[in-house]
Amino acid sequence: MPTFVLERAVPKGFDIADPDQVALHSRWASDAYRAAGIAWMGGVTTPAKMYSLIVADSVADVERYLKILGVPEGDFAFAEVISALGPQMAMSRDDPRYRPPRHRPQPLA
């Protein structure tokens, strides 16, 4: 099934630092994802945006989720994931194909 990254604006009045509001919002999101037939893999917030990793059969399912929650047009964007990245995907340094980066990052002072 396709995996998507969903980006949306933090709703007005939603205090992402308030654990009770986060719990309530997460419940609403969980219920809406379930109603739309989407698997929610979790997400993160920044001061202005929320990002979720989701698995859905189609773009129509994602659009249905946004409609269920009443997310206004222009307050969201989503894109299909092409590949996973992260330490779980890292090549071993012992792999014969490994090569160090051209420009090694310098430690911060």
PDB file of N, CA and C in Angstrom:
ATOM      1  N   MET A   1       0.843  -1.182   0.000  1.00  0.00           N
ATOM      2  CA  MET A   1       0.000   0.000   0.000  1.00  0.00           C
ATOM      3  C   MET A   1       0.885   1.241   0.000  1.00  0.00           C
ATOM      4  N   PRO A   2       0.435   2.286  -0.657  1.00  0.00           N
ATOM      5  CA  PRO A   2       1.227   3.513  -0.669  1.00  0.00           C
ATOM      6  C   PRO A   2       1.337   4.145   0.721  1.00  0.00           C
ATOM      7  N   THR A   3       2.484   4.745   0.971  1.00  0.00           N
ATOM      8  CA  THR A   3       2.734   5.486   2.200  1.00  0.00           C
ATOM      9  C   THR A   3       2.839   6.960   1.834  1.00  0.00           C
ATOM     10  N   PHE A   4       2.261   7.801   2.674  1.00  0.00           N
ATOM     11  CA  PHE A   4       2.254   9.240   2.417  1.00  0.00           C
ATOM     12  C   PHE A   4       2.783   9.998   3.624  1.00  0.00           C
ATOM     13  N   VAL A   5       3.366  11.170   3.358  1.00  0.00           N
ATOM     14  CA  VAL A   5       3.671  12.145   4.393  1.00  0.00           C
ATOM     15  C   VAL A   5       2.606  13.221   4.252  1.00  0.00           C
ATOM     16  N   LEU A   6       1.905  13.476   5.353  1.00  0.00           N
ATOM     17  CA  LEU A   6       0.861  14.491   5.380  1.00  0.00           C
ATOM     18  C   LEU A   6       1.349  15.656   6.218  1.00  0.00           C
ATOM     19  N   GLU A   7       1.307  16.845   5.656  1.00  0.00           N
ATOM     20  CA  GLU A   7       1.683  18.070   6.360  1.00  0.00           C
ATOM     21  C   GLU A   7       0.437  18.924   6.484  1.00  0.00           C
ATOM     22  N   ARG A   8       0.174  19.408   7.678  1.00  0.00           N
ATOM     23  CA  ARG A   8      -0.957  20.318   7.840  1.00  0.00           C
ATOM     24  C   ARG A   8      -0.629  21.388   8.861  1.00  0.00           C
ATOM     25  N   ALA A   9      -1.325  22.490   8.750  1.00  0.00           N
ATOM     26  CA  ALA A   9      -1.141  23.586   9.693  1.00  0.00           C
ATOM     27  C   ALA A   9      -1.662  23.165  11.063  1.00  0.00           C
ATOM     28  N   VAL A  10      -1.010  23.654  12.106  1.00  0.00           N
ATOM     29  CA  VAL A  10      -1.518  23.439  13.457  1.00  0.00           C
ATOM     30  C   VAL A  10      -2.799  24.265  13.570  1.00  0.00           C
ATOM     31  N   PRO A  11      -3.910  23.629  13.965  1.00  0.00           N
ATOM     32  CA  PRO A  11      -5.173  24.374  14.059  1.00  0.00           C
ATOM     33  C   PRO A  11      -5.078  25.516  15.072  1.00  0.00           C
ATOM     34  N   LYS A  12      -5.771  26.619  14.772  1.00  0.00           N
ATOM     35  CA  LYS A  12      -5.812  27.761  15.696  1.00  0.00           C
ATOM     36  C   LYS A  12      -6.347  27.292  17.043  1.00  0.00           C
ATOM     37  N   GLY A  13      -5.705  27.739  18.101  1.00  0.00           N
ATOM     38  CA  GLY A  13      -6.140  27.390  19.445  1.00  0.00           C
ATOM     39  C   GLY A  13      -5.614  26.060  19.962  1.00  0.00           C
ATOM     40  N   PHE A  14      -4.924  25.290  19.108  1.00  0.00           N
ATOM     41  CA  PHE A  14      -4.374  24.004  19.537  1.00  0.00           C
ATOM     42  C   PHE A  14      -2.988  24.244  20.124  1.00  0.00           C
ATOM     43  N   ASP A  15      -2.842  24.031  21.427  1.00  0.00           N
ATOM     44  CA  ASP A  15      -1.573  24.225  22.120  1.00  0.00           C
ATOM     45  C   ASP A  15      -0.824  22.898  22.134  1.00  0.00           C
ATOM     46  N   ILE A  16       0.178  22.789  21.267  1.00  0.00           N
ATOM     47  CA  ILE A  16       0.908  21.524  21.142  1.00  0.00           C
ATOM     48  C   ILE A  16       1.751  21.204  22.375  1.00  0.00           C
ATOM     49  N   ALA A  17       1.885  22.164  23.291  1.00  0.00           N
ATOM     50  CA  ALA A  17       2.628  21.923  24.537  1.00  0.00           C
ATOM     51  C   ALA A  17       1.714  21.424  25.661  1.00  0.00           C
ATOM     52  N   ASP A  18       0.408  21.393  25.431  1.00  0.00           N
ATOM     53  CA  ASP A  18      -0.551  20.960  26.447  1.00  0.00           C
ATOM     54  C   ASP A  18      -0.857  19.474  26.254  1.00  0.00           C
ATOM     55  N   PRO A  19      -0.418  18.606  27.185  1.00  0.00           N
ATOM     56  CA  PRO A  19      -0.620  17.162  27.022  1.00  0.00           C
ATOM     57  C   PRO A  19      -2.088  16.760  26.848  1.00  0.00           C
ATOM     58  N   ASP A  20      -3.002  17.470  27.524  1.00  0.00           N
ATOM     59  CA  ASP A  20      -4.425  17.140  27.379  1.00  0.00           C
ATOM     60  C   ASP A  20      -4.916  17.447  25.969  1.00  0.00           C
ATOM     61  N   GLN A  21      -4.481  18.587  25.416  1.00  0.00           N
ATOM     62  CA  GLN A  21      -4.882  18.924  24.052  1.00  0.00           C
ATOM     63  C   GLN A  21      -4.251  17.964  23.044  1.00  0.00           C
ATOM     64  N   VAL A  22      -3.006  17.585  23.279  1.00  0.00           N
ATOM     65  CA  VAL A  22      -2.343  16.628  22.381  1.00  0.00           C
ATOM     66  C   VAL A  22      -3.083  15.289  22.412  1.00  0.00           C
ATOM     67  N   ALA A  23      -3.460  14.843  23.605  1.00  0.00           N
ATOM     68  CA  ALA A  23      -4.188  13.571  23.726  1.00  0.00           C
ATOM     69  C   ALA A  23      -5.530  13.634  23.012  1.00  0.00           C
ATOM     70  N   LEU A  24      -6.263  14.743  23.170  1.00  0.00           N
ATOM     71  CA  LEU A  24      -7.557  14.887  22.521  1.00  0.00           C
ATOM     72  C   LEU A  24      -7.406  14.943  21.006  1.00  0.00           C
ATOM     73  N   HIS A  25      -6.452  15.751  20.532  1.00  0.00           N
ATOM     74  CA  HIS A  25      -6.221  15.854  19.089  1.00  0.00           C
ATOM     75  C   HIS A  25      -5.815  14.500  18.515  1.00  0.00           C
ATOM     76  N   SER A  26      -4.957  13.783  19.232  1.00  0.00           N
ATOM     77  CA  SER A  26      -4.524  12.460  18.763  1.00  0.00           C
ATOM     78  C   SER A  26      -5.706  11.495  18.685  1.00  0.00           C
ATOM     79  N   ARG A  27      -6.646  11.588  19.623  1.00  0.00           N
ATOM     80  CA  ARG A  27      -7.848  10.747  19.569  1.00  0.00           C
ATOM     81  C   ARG A  27      -8.682  11.085  18.347  1.00  0.00           C
ATOM     82  N   TRP A  28      -8.899  12.410  18.108  1.00  0.00           N
ATOM     83  CA  TRP A  28      -9.664  12.809  16.926  1.00  0.00           C
ATOM     84  C   TRP A  28      -8.993  12.306  15.650  1.00  0.00           C
ATOM     85  N   ALA A  29      -7.677  12.461  15.563  1.00  0.00           N
ATOM     86  CA  ALA A  29      -6.944  12.023  14.379  1.00  0.00           C
ATOM     87  C   ALA A  29      -7.036  10.508  14.226  1.00  0.00           C
ATOM     88  N   SER A  30      -6.843   9.768  15.318  1.00  0.00           N
ATOM     89  CA  SER A  30      -6.928   8.300  15.252  1.00  0.00           C
ATOM     90  C   SER A  30      -8.286   7.847  14.743  1.00  0.00           C
ATOM     91  N   ASP A  31      -9.356   8.456  15.286  1.00  0.00           N
ATOM     92  CA  ASP A  31     -10.705   8.076  14.865  1.00  0.00           C
ATOM     93  C   ASP A  31     -10.961   8.423  13.402  1.00  0.00           C
ATOM     94  N   ALA A  32     -10.489   9.602  12.968  1.00  0.00           N
ATOM     95  CA  ALA A  32     -10.693  10.017  11.574  1.00  0.00           C
ATOM     96  C   ALA A  32      -9.881   9.148  10.620  1.00  0.00           C
ATOM     97  N   TYR A  33      -8.641   8.820  10.984  1.00  0.00           N
ATOM     98  CA  TYR A  33      -7.844   7.928  10.127  1.00  0.00           C
ATOM     99  C   TYR A  33      -8.536   6.578   9.996  1.00  0.00           C
ATOM    100  N   ARG A  34      -9.008   6.034  11.109  1.00  0.00           N
ATOM    101  CA  ARG A  34      -9.685   4.739  11.084  1.00  0.00           C
ATOM    102  C   ARG A  34     -10.935   4.809  10.190  1.00  0.00           C
ATOM    103  N   ALA A  35     -11.721   5.862  10.329  1.00  0.00           N
ATOM    104  CA  ALA A  35     -12.935   6.027   9.532  1.00  0.00           C
ATOM    105  C   ALA A  35     -12.628   6.124   8.037  1.00  0.00           C
ATOM    106  N   ALA A  36     -11.456   6.667   7.704  1.00  0.00           N
ATOM    107  CA  ALA A  36     -11.062   6.802   6.293  1.00  0.00           C
ATOM    108  C   ALA A  36     -10.326   5.570   5.773  1.00  0.00           C
ATOM    109  N   GLY A  37     -10.089   4.577   6.632  1.00  0.00           N
ATOM    110  CA  GLY A  37      -9.388   3.365   6.204  1.00  0.00           C
ATOM    111  C   GLY A  37      -7.890   3.544   6.078  1.00  0.00           C
ATOM    112  N   ILE A  38      -7.335   4.438   6.887  1.00  0.00           N
ATOM    113  CA  ILE A  38      -5.906   4.768   6.828  1.00  0.00           C
ATOM    114  C   ILE A  38      -5.211   4.264   8.087  1.00  0.00           C
ATOM    115  N   ALA A  39      -3.995   3.747   7.927  1.00  0.00           N
ATOM    116  CA  ALA A  39      -3.151   3.381   9.066  1.00  0.00           C
ATOM    117  C   ALA A  39      -2.244   4.564   9.365  1.00  0.00           C
ATOM    118  N   TRP A  40      -2.336   5.077  10.601  1.00  0.00           N
ATOM    119  CA  TRP A  40      -1.518   6.209  11.041  1.00  0.00           C
ATOM    120  C   TRP A  40      -0.297   5.654  11.748  1.00  0.00           C
ATOM    121  N   MET A  41       0.878   5.946  11.215  1.00  0.00           N
ATOM    122  CA  MET A  41       2.127   5.446  11.770  1.00  0.00           C
ATOM    123  C   MET A  41       2.697   6.390  12.830  1.00  0.00           C
ATOM    124  N   GLY A  42       2.077   7.542  13.009  1.00  0.00           N
ATOM    125  CA  GLY A  42       2.536   8.519  13.987  1.00  0.00           C
ATOM    126  C   GLY A  42       2.931   9.803  13.310  1.00  0.00           C
ATOM    127  N   GLY A  43       3.323  10.766  14.115  1.00  0.00           N
ATOM    128  CA  GLY A  43       3.681  12.056  13.554  1.00  0.00           C
ATOM    129  C   GLY A  43       4.449  12.908  14.533  1.00  0.00           C
ATOM    130  N   VAL A  44       4.741  14.123  14.103  1.00  0.00           N
ATOM    131  CA  VAL A  44       5.468  15.097  14.909  1.00  0.00           C
ATOM    132  C   VAL A  44       4.871  16.477  14.656  1.00  0.00           C
ATOM    133  N   THR A  45       5.157  17.403  15.590  1.00  0.00           N
ATOM    134  CA  THR A  45       4.705  18.781  15.406  1.00  0.00           C
ATOM    135  C   THR A  45       5.877  19.735  15.509  1.00  0.00           C
ATOM    136  N   THR A  46       5.720  20.857  14.839  1.00  0.00           N
ATOM    137  CA  THR A  46       6.598  22.009  14.991  1.00  0.00           C
ATOM    138  C   THR A  46       5.679  23.138  15.452  1.00  0.00           C
ATOM    139  N   PRO A  47       6.191  24.319  15.742  1.00  0.00           N
ATOM    140  CA  PRO A  47       5.284  25.375  16.171  1.00  0.00           C
ATOM    141  C   PRO A  47       4.167  25.694  15.164  1.00  0.00           C
ATOM    142  N   ALA A  48       4.398  25.494  13.885  1.00  0.00           N
ATOM    143  CA  ALA A  48       3.402  25.880  12.876  1.00  0.00           C
ATOM    144  C   ALA A  48       2.793  24.718  12.107  1.00  0.00           C
ATOM    145  N   LYS A  49       3.449  23.564  12.086  1.00  0.00           N
ATOM    146  CA  LYS A  49       2.996  22.457  11.238  1.00  0.00           C
ATOM    147  C   LYS A  49       2.946  21.144  12.002  1.00  0.00           C
ATOM    148  N   MET A  50       2.113  20.242  11.507  1.00  0.00           N
ATOM    149  CA  MET A  50       2.053  18.864  11.995  1.00  0.00           C
ATOM    150  C   MET A  50       2.356  17.961  10.798  1.00  0.00           C
ATOM    151  N   TYR A  51       3.115  16.893  11.041  1.00  0.00           N
ATOM    152  CA  TYR A  51       3.501  15.961   9.992  1.00  0.00           C
ATOM    153  C   TYR A  51       3.135  14.549  10.446  1.00  0.00           C
ATOM    154  N   SER A  52       2.501  13.798   9.562  1.00  0.00           N
ATOM    155  CA  SER A  52       2.136  12.414   9.866  1.00  0.00           C
ATOM    156  C   SER A  52       2.610  11.498   8.762  1.00  0.00           C
ATOM    157  N   LEU A  53       2.971  10.293   9.148  1.00  0.00           N
ATOM    158  CA  LEU A  53       3.296   9.238   8.202  1.00  0.00           C
ATOM    159  C   LEU A  53       2.093   8.299   8.201  1.00  0.00           C
ATOM    160  N   ILE A  54       1.497   8.114   7.026  1.00  0.00           N
ATOM    161  CA  ILE A  54       0.277   7.324   6.927  1.00  0.00           C
ATOM    162  C   ILE A  54       0.372   6.311   5.789  1.00  0.00           C
ATOM    163  N   VAL A  55      -0.419   5.255   5.912  1.00  0.00           N
ATOM    164  CA  VAL A  55      -0.504   4.230   4.869  1.00  0.00           C
ATOM    165  C   VAL A  55      -1.959   4.177   4.431  1.00  0.00           C
ATOM    166  N   ALA A  56      -2.197   4.383   3.131  1.00  0.00           N
ATOM    167  CA  ALA A  56      -3.554   4.439   2.604  1.00  0.00           C
ATOM    168  C   ALA A  56      -3.609   3.740   1.253  1.00  0.00           C
ATOM    169  N   ASP A  57      -4.776   3.218   0.921  1.00  0.00           N
ATOM    170  CA  ASP A  57      -4.949   2.587  -0.383  1.00  0.00           C
ATOM    171  C   ASP A  57      -4.866   3.586  -1.528  1.00  0.00           C
ATOM    172  N   SER A  58      -5.320   4.828  -1.259  1.00  0.00           N
ATOM    173  CA  SER A  58      -5.372   5.799  -2.356  1.00  0.00           C
ATOM    174  C   SER A  58      -5.367   7.230  -1.831  1.00  0.00           C
ATOM    175  N   VAL A  59      -5.144   8.149  -2.755  1.00  0.00           N
ATOM    176  CA  VAL A  59      -5.226   9.571  -2.448  1.00  0.00           C
ATOM    177  C   VAL A  59      -6.644   9.914  -1.987  1.00  0.00           C
ATOM    178  N   ALA A  60      -7.633   9.244  -2.544  1.00  0.00           N
ATOM    179  CA  ALA A  60      -9.025   9.492  -2.147  1.00  0.00           C
ATOM    180  C   ALA A  60      -9.217   9.232  -0.650  1.00  0.00           C
ATOM    181  N   ASP A  61      -8.545   8.233  -0.098  1.00  0.00           N
ATOM    182  CA  ASP A  61      -8.639   7.963   1.345  1.00  0.00           C
ATOM    183  C   ASP A  61      -8.075   9.128   2.151  1.00  0.00           C
ATOM    184  N   VAL A  62      -6.961   9.681   1.697  1.00  0.00           N
ATOM    185  CA  VAL A  62      -6.346  10.818   2.386  1.00  0.00           C
ATOM    186  C   VAL A  62      -7.296  12.018   2.322  1.00  0.00           C
ATOM    187  N   GLU A  63      -7.872  12.254   1.170  1.00  0.00           N
ATOM    188  CA  GLU A  63      -8.816  13.363   1.018  1.00  0.00           C
ATOM    189  C   GLU A  63     -10.047  13.155   1.906  1.00  0.00           C
ATOM    190  N   ARG A  64     -10.497  11.912   2.044  1.00  0.00           N
ATOM    191  CA  ARG A  64     -11.634  11.606   2.914  1.00  0.00           C
ATOM    192  C   ARG A  64     -11.301  11.929   4.368  1.00  0.00           C
ATOM    193  N   TYR A  65     -10.107  11.579   4.809  1.00  0.00           N
ATOM    194  CA  TYR A  65      -9.653  11.895   6.168  1.00  0.00           C
ATOM    195  C   TYR A  65      -9.710  13.403   6.418  1.00  0.00           C
ATOM    196  N   LEU A  66      -9.164  14.179   5.491  1.00  0.00           N
ATOM    197  CA  LEU A  66      -9.136  15.631   5.648  1.00  0.00           C
ATOM    198  C   LEU A  66     -10.550  16.209   5.705  1.00  0.00           C
ATOM    199  N   LYS A  67     -11.451  15.622   4.929  1.00  0.00           N
ATOM    200  CA  LYS A  67     -12.843  16.080   4.937  1.00  0.00           C
ATOM    201  C   LYS A  67     -13.523  15.725   6.268  1.00  0.00           C
ATOM    202  N   ILE A  68     -13.261  14.524   6.787  1.00  0.00           N
ATOM    203  CA  ILE A  68     -13.846  14.100   8.071  1.00  0.00           C
ATOM    204  C   ILE A  68     -13.482  15.094   9.167  1.00  0.00           C
ATOM    205  N   LEU A  69     -12.209  15.533   9.187  1.00  0.00           N
ATOM    206  CA  LEU A  69     -11.761  16.469  10.218  1.00  0.00           C
ATOM    207  C   LEU A  69     -12.085  17.924   9.885  1.00  0.00           C
ATOM    208  N   GLY A  70     -12.500  18.181   8.659  1.00  0.00           N
ATOM    209  CA  GLY A  70     -12.809  19.557   8.274  1.00  0.00           C
ATOM    210  C   GLY A  70     -11.573  20.421   8.113  1.00  0.00           C
ATOM    211  N   VAL A  71     -10.474  19.828   7.668  1.00  0.00           N
ATOM    212  CA  VAL A  71      -9.235  20.596   7.458  1.00  0.00           C
ATOM    213  C   VAL A  71      -9.441  21.473   6.218  1.00  0.00           C
ATOM    214  N   PRO A  72      -9.296  22.796   6.369  1.00  0.00           N
ATOM    215  CA  PRO A  72      -9.536  23.693   5.235  1.00  0.00           C
ATOM    216  C   PRO A  72      -8.542  23.482   4.097  1.00  0.00           C
ATOM    217  N   GLU A  73      -9.035  23.667   2.874  1.00  0.00           N
ATOM    218  CA  GLU A  73      -8.183  23.634   1.679  1.00  0.00           C
ATOM    219  C   GLU A  73      -7.064  24.652   1.882  1.00  0.00           C
ATOM    220  N   GLY A  74      -5.855  24.304   1.540  1.00  0.00           N
ATOM    221  CA  GLY A  74      -4.718  25.197   1.706  1.00  0.00           C
ATOM    222  C   GLY A  74      -3.998  25.029   3.039  1.00  0.00           C
ATOM    223  N   ASP A  75      -4.615  24.301   3.991  1.00  0.00           N
ATOM    224  CA  ASP A  75      -3.968  24.057   5.281  1.00  0.00           C
ATOM    225  C   ASP A  75      -3.249  22.714   5.315  1.00  0.00           C
ATOM    226  N   PHE A  76      -3.104  22.062   4.170  1.00  0.00           N
ATOM    227  CA  PHE A  76      -2.452  20.762   4.136  1.00  0.00           C
ATOM    228  C   PHE A  76      -1.764  20.533   2.804  1.00  0.00           C
ATOM    229  N   ALA A  77      -0.846  19.589   2.821  1.00  0.00           N
ATOM    230  CA  ALA A  77      -0.189  19.077   1.615  1.00  0.00           C
ATOM    231  C   ALA A  77       0.213  17.647   1.931  1.00  0.00           C
ATOM    232  N   PHE A  78       0.254  16.807   0.924  1.00  0.00           N
ATOM    233  CA  PHE A  78       0.741  15.457   1.141  1.00  0.00           C
ATOM    234  C   PHE A  78       1.449  14.956  -0.103  1.00  0.00           C
ATOM    235  N   ALA A  79       2.335  13.997   0.114  1.00  0.00           N
ATOM    236  CA  ALA A  79       3.110  13.426  -0.984  1.00  0.00           C
ATOM    237  C   ALA A  79       3.370  11.960  -0.686  1.00  0.00           C
ATOM    238  N   GLU A  80       3.459  11.165  -1.746  1.00  0.00           N
ATOM    239  CA  GLU A  80       3.757   9.746  -1.569  1.00  0.00           C
ATOM    240  C   GLU A  80       5.233   9.573  -1.237  1.00  0.00           C
ATOM    241  N   VAL A  81       5.505   8.691  -0.301  1.00  0.00           N
ATOM    242  CA  VAL A  81       6.874   8.384   0.113  1.00  0.00           C
ATOM    243  C   VAL A  81       7.509   7.490  -0.952  1.00  0.00           C
ATOM    244  N   ILE A  82       8.723   7.820  -1.347  1.00  0.00           N
ATOM    245  CA  ILE A  82       9.450   7.039  -2.346  1.00  0.00           C
ATOM    246  C   ILE A  82      10.340   5.994  -1.682  1.00  0.00           C
ATOM    247  N   SER A  83      10.992   6.381  -0.584  1.00  0.00           N
ATOM    248  CA  SER A  83      11.916   5.479   0.084  1.00  0.00           C
ATOM    249  C   SER A  83      12.046   5.853   1.554  1.00  0.00           C
ATOM    250  N   ALA A  84      12.312   4.868   2.362  1.00  0.00           N
ATOM    251  CA  ALA A  84      12.593   5.117   3.777  1.00  0.00           C
ATOM    252  C   ALA A  84      14.042   5.568   3.924  1.00  0.00           C
ATOM    253  N   LEU A  85      14.285   6.409   4.932  1.00  0.00           N
ATOM    254  CA  LEU A  85      15.635   6.844   5.284  1.00  0.00           C
ATOM    255  C   LEU A  85      15.781   6.731   6.790  1.00  0.00           C
ATOM    256  N   GLY A  86      16.975   6.537   7.237  1.00  0.00           N
ATOM    257  CA  GLY A  86      17.205   6.498   8.677  1.00  0.00           C
ATOM    258  C   GLY A  86      18.305   5.524   9.026  1.00  0.00           C
ATOM    259  N   PRO A  87      18.654   5.466  10.302  1.00  0.00           N
ATOM    260  CA  PRO A  87      19.755   4.607  10.714  1.00  0.00           C
ATOM    261  C   PRO A  87      19.490   3.131  10.438  1.00  0.00           C
ATOM    262  N   GLN A  88      18.218   2.726  10.422  1.00  0.00           N
ATOM    263  CA  GLN A  88      17.906   1.319  10.136  1.00  0.00           C
ATOM    264  C   GLN A  88      18.241   0.946   8.697  1.00  0.00           C
ATOM    265  N   MET A  89      18.435   1.942   7.844  1.00  0.00           N
ATOM    266  CA  MET A  89      18.762   1.700   6.437  1.00  0.00           C
ATOM    267  C   MET A  89      20.257   1.861   6.150  1.00  0.00           C
ATOM    268  N   ALA A  90      21.037   2.266   7.147  1.00  0.00           N
ATOM    269  CA  ALA A  90      22.445   2.613   6.940  1.00  0.00           C
ATOM    270  C   ALA A  90      23.273   1.397   6.519  1.00  0.00           C
ATOM    271  N   MET A  91      24.128   1.626   5.557  1.00  0.00           N
ATOM    272  CA  MET A  91      25.068   0.607   5.090  1.00  0.00           C
ATOM    273  C   MET A  91      26.161   0.418   6.127  1.00  0.00           C
ATOM    274  N   SER A  92      26.590  -0.783   6.316  1.00  0.00           N
ATOM    275  CA  SER A  92      27.695  -1.059   7.225  1.00  0.00           C
ATOM    276  C   SER A  92      28.982  -0.453   6.669  1.00  0.00           C
ATOM    277  N   ARG A  93      29.821   0.061   7.543  1.00  0.00           N
ATOM    278  CA  ARG A  93      31.115   0.578   7.086  1.00  0.00           C
ATOM    279  C   ARG A  93      32.009  -0.548   6.571  1.00  0.00           C
ATOM    280  N   ASP A  94      31.688  -1.804   6.933  1.00  0.00           N
ATOM    281  CA  ASP A  94      32.456  -2.955   6.450  1.00  0.00           C
ATOM    282  C   ASP A  94      32.018  -3.377   5.044  1.00  0.00           C
ATOM    283  N   ASP A  95      30.936  -2.848   4.546  1.00  0.00           N
ATOM    284  CA  ASP A  95      30.439  -3.201   3.212  1.00  0.00           C
ATOM    285  C   ASP A  95      31.448  -2.712   2.182  1.00  0.00           C
ATOM    286  N   PRO A  96      31.827  -3.540   1.213  1.00  0.00           N
ATOM    287  CA  PRO A  96      32.826  -3.122   0.220  1.00  0.00           C
ATOM    288  C   PRO A  96      32.370  -1.936  -0.630  1.00  0.00           C
ATOM    289  N   ARG A  97      31.074  -1.646  -0.672  1.00  0.00           N
ATOM    290  CA  ARG A  97      30.573  -0.506  -1.457  1.00  0.00           C
ATOM    291  C   ARG A  97      30.638   0.798  -0.665  1.00  0.00           C
ATOM    292  N   TYR A  98      30.921   0.709   0.644  1.00  0.00           N
ATOM    293  CA  TYR A  98      30.949   1.904   1.488  1.00  0.00           C
ATOM    294  C   TYR A  98      32.097   2.810   1.083  1.00  0.00           C
ATOM    295  N   ARG A  99      31.836   4.091   1.094  1.00  0.00           N
ATOM    296  CA  ARG A  99      32.876   5.109   0.931  1.00  0.00           C
ATOM    297  C   ARG A  99      32.503   6.274   1.830  1.00  0.00           C
ATOM    298  N   PRO A 100      33.486   6.938   2.422  1.00  0.00           N
ATOM    299  CA  PRO A 100      33.173   8.089   3.275  1.00  0.00           C
ATOM    300  C   PRO A 100      32.625   9.239   2.429  1.00  0.00           C
ATOM    301  N   PRO A 101      31.874  10.146   3.054  1.00  0.00           N
ATOM    302  CA  PRO A 101      31.369  11.295   2.292  1.00  0.00           C
ATOM    303  C   PRO A 101      32.527  12.170   1.797  1.00  0.00           C
ATOM    304  N   ARG A 102      32.296  12.849   0.680  1.00  0.00           N
ATOM    305  CA  ARG A 102      33.342  13.704   0.122  1.00  0.00           C
ATOM    306  C   ARG A 102      33.745  14.803   1.102  1.00  0.00           C
ATOM    307  N   HIS A 103      32.777  15.381   1.761  1.00  0.00           N
ATOM    308  CA  HIS A 103      33.032  16.445   2.718  1.00  0.00           C
ATOM    309  C   HIS A 103      32.560  15.965   4.087  1.00  0.00           C
ATOM    310  N   ARG A 104      33.497  15.613   4.913  1.00  0.00           N
ATOM    311  CA  ARG A 104      33.136  15.144   6.248  1.00  0.00           C
ATOM    312  C   ARG A 104      32.592  16.291   7.074  1.00  0.00           C
ATOM    313  N   PRO A 105      31.464  16.068   7.756  1.00  0.00           N
ATOM    314  CA  PRO A 105      30.949  17.125   8.637  1.00  0.00           C
ATOM    315  C   PRO A 105      31.939  17.435   9.736  1.00  0.00           C
ATOM    316  N   GLN A 106      32.118  18.707  10.031  1.00  0.00           N
ATOM    317  CA  GLN A 106      33.011  19.125  11.093  1.00  0.00           C
ATOM    318  C   GLN A 106      32.238  19.162  12.406  1.00  0.00           C
ATOM    319  N   PRO A 107      32.859  18.707  13.492  1.00  0.00           N
ATOM    320  CA  PRO A 107      32.186  18.789  14.789  1.00  0.00           C
ATOM    321  C   PRO A 107      31.874  20.238  15.158  1.00  0.00           C
ATOM    322  N   LEU A 108      30.770  20.444  15.830  1.00  0.00           N
ATOM    323  CA  LEU A 108      30.431  21.784  16.306  1.00  0.00           C
ATOM    324  C   LEU A 108      31.340  22.148  17.469  1.00  0.00           C
ATOM    325  N   ALA A 109      31.732  23.403  17.514  1.00  0.00           N
ATOM    326  CA  ALA A 109      32.634  23.866  18.587  1.00  0.00           C
ATOM    327  C   ALA A 109      31.919  23.967  19.906  1.00  0.00           C
TER     328      ALA A 109
END
